[in-house]
């Protein structure tokens, strides 16, 4: 899953940032980690939507949502 990879990268960056004594580099790593966390959330939403879509396709269109002829 892509979201897990992004989250793992974010956690790694935060761990490294905590051990760096140069505040400028640590702040940049934290900002990069925040970006990867946002990407993880976005990828998680996309993956969830992709998981639901096939089920909706199998169910067919709801009569209430069908376009009138």
C-alpha atoms as a PDB file:
ATOM      1  CA  UNK A   1       0.000   0.000   0.000  1.00  0.00           C
ATOM      2  CA  UNK A   2       1.326   3.362  -1.000  1.00  0.00           C
ATOM      3  CA  UNK A   3      -0.057   5.108   2.086  1.00  0.00           C
ATOM      4  CA  UNK A   4       1.963   2.827   4.380  1.00  0.00           C
ATOM      5  CA  UNK A   5       5.134   3.607   2.446  1.00  0.00           C
ATOM      6  CA  UNK A   6       4.541   7.360   2.756  1.00  0.00           C
ATOM      7  CA  UNK A   7       3.807   7.014   6.460  1.00  0.00           C
ATOM      8  CA  UNK A   8       6.948   4.930   7.016  1.00  0.00           C
ATOM      9  CA  UNK A   9       9.020   7.572   5.214  1.00  0.00           C
ATOM     10  CA  UNK A  10       7.464  10.346   7.322  1.00  0.00           C
ATOM     11  CA  UNK A  11       8.244   8.474  10.539  1.00  0.00           C
ATOM     12  CA  UNK A  12      11.834   7.887   9.410  1.00  0.00           C
ATOM     13  CA  UNK A  13      12.309  11.571   8.577  1.00  0.00           C
ATOM     14  CA  UNK A  14      10.932  12.628  11.966  1.00  0.00           C
ATOM     15  CA  UNK A  15      13.208  10.193  13.771  1.00  0.00           C
ATOM     16  CA  UNK A  16      16.234  11.542  11.897  1.00  0.00           C
ATOM     17  CA  UNK A  17      15.150  15.170  12.494  1.00  0.00           C
ATOM     18  CA  UNK A  18      15.045  14.558  16.259  1.00  0.00           C
ATOM     19  CA  UNK A  19      18.686  13.423  16.223  1.00  0.00           C
ATOM     20  CA  UNK A  20      20.070  16.301  14.145  1.00  0.00           C
ATOM     21  CA  UNK A  21      21.620  19.211  16.006  1.00  0.00           C
ATOM     22  CA  UNK A  22      21.379  21.665  13.083  1.00  0.00           C
ATOM     23  CA  UNK A  23      17.966  23.301  13.538  1.00  0.00           C
ATOM     24  CA  UNK A  24      17.701  24.420   9.911  1.00  0.00           C
ATOM     25  CA  UNK A  25      18.114  20.908   8.572  1.00  0.00           C
ATOM     26  CA  UNK A  26      15.883  19.458  11.300  1.00  0.00           C
ATOM     27  CA  UNK A  27      13.105  21.927  10.418  1.00  0.00           C
ATOM     28  CA  UNK A  28      13.378  21.062   6.729  1.00  0.00           C
ATOM     29  CA  UNK A  29      13.166  17.359   7.515  1.00  0.00           C
ATOM     30  CA  UNK A  30      10.106  17.978   9.679  1.00  0.00           C
ATOM     31  CA  UNK A  31       8.453  19.918   6.859  1.00  0.00           C
ATOM     32  CA  UNK A  32       9.248  17.076   4.474  1.00  0.00           C
ATOM     33  CA  UNK A  33       7.812  14.589   6.977  1.00  0.00           C
ATOM     34  CA  UNK A  34       4.602  16.662   7.165  1.00  0.00           C
ATOM     35  CA  UNK A  35       4.377  16.538   3.372  1.00  0.00           C
ATOM     36  CA  UNK A  36       4.739  12.747   3.408  1.00  0.00           C
ATOM     37  CA  UNK A  37       2.036  12.481   6.078  1.00  0.00           C
ATOM     38  CA  UNK A  38      -0.311  14.506   3.852  1.00  0.00           C
ATOM     39  CA  UNK A  39       0.546  12.221   0.942  1.00  0.00           C
ATOM     40  CA  UNK A  40      -0.176   9.184   3.129  1.00  0.00           C
ATOM     41  CA  UNK A  41      -3.623  10.528   4.040  1.00  0.00           C
ATOM     42  CA  UNK A  42      -4.376  11.321   0.394  1.00  0.00           C
ATOM     43  CA  UNK A  43      -3.164   7.906  -0.802  1.00  0.00           C
ATOM     44  CA  UNK A  44      -5.252   6.231   1.901  1.00  0.00           C
ATOM     45  CA  UNK A  45      -8.377   8.014   0.646  1.00  0.00           C
ATOM     46  CA  UNK A  46      -7.614   7.033  -2.950  1.00  0.00           C
ATOM     47  CA  UNK A  47      -7.004   3.405  -1.977  1.00  0.00           C
ATOM     48  CA  UNK A  48     -10.252   3.319  -0.009  1.00  0.00           C
ATOM     49  CA  UNK A  49     -12.175   4.772  -2.949  1.00  0.00           C
ATOM     50  CA  UNK A  50     -10.656   2.204  -5.297  1.00  0.00           C
ATOM     51  CA  UNK A  51     -11.702  -0.584  -2.934  1.00  0.00           C
ATOM     52  CA  UNK A  52     -15.296   0.644  -2.868  1.00  0.00           C
ATOM     53  CA  UNK A  53     -15.625   1.272  -6.598  1.00  0.00           C
ATOM     54  CA  UNK A  54     -15.598  -2.392  -7.729  1.00  0.00           C
ATOM     55  CA  UNK A  55     -18.294  -3.245  -5.183  1.00  0.00           C
ATOM     56  CA  UNK A  56     -20.445  -0.386  -6.443  1.00  0.00           C
ATOM     57  CA  UNK A  57     -19.914  -1.534 -10.038  1.00  0.00           C
ATOM     58  CA  UNK A  58     -21.009  -5.078  -9.164  1.00  0.00           C
ATOM     59  CA  UNK A  59     -24.125  -3.802  -7.409  1.00  0.00           C
ATOM     60  CA  UNK A  60     -25.237  -1.849 -10.461  1.00  0.00           C
ATOM     61  CA  UNK A  61     -26.967   1.491 -10.551  1.00  0.00           C
ATOM     62  CA  UNK A  62     -29.539   2.164  -7.890  1.00  0.00           C
ATOM     63  CA  UNK A  63     -33.057   2.617  -9.310  1.00  0.00           C
ATOM     64  CA  UNK A  64     -33.296   5.897  -7.398  1.00  0.00           C
ATOM     65  CA  UNK A  65     -30.111   7.147  -9.051  1.00  0.00           C
ATOM     66  CA  UNK A  66     -30.898   5.916 -12.558  1.00  0.00           C
ATOM     67  CA  UNK A  67     -31.558   8.601 -15.169  1.00  0.00           C
ATOM     68  CA  UNK A  68     -35.162   8.759 -16.362  1.00  0.00           C
ATOM     69  CA  UNK A  69     -35.752   7.836 -20.005  1.00  0.00           C
END
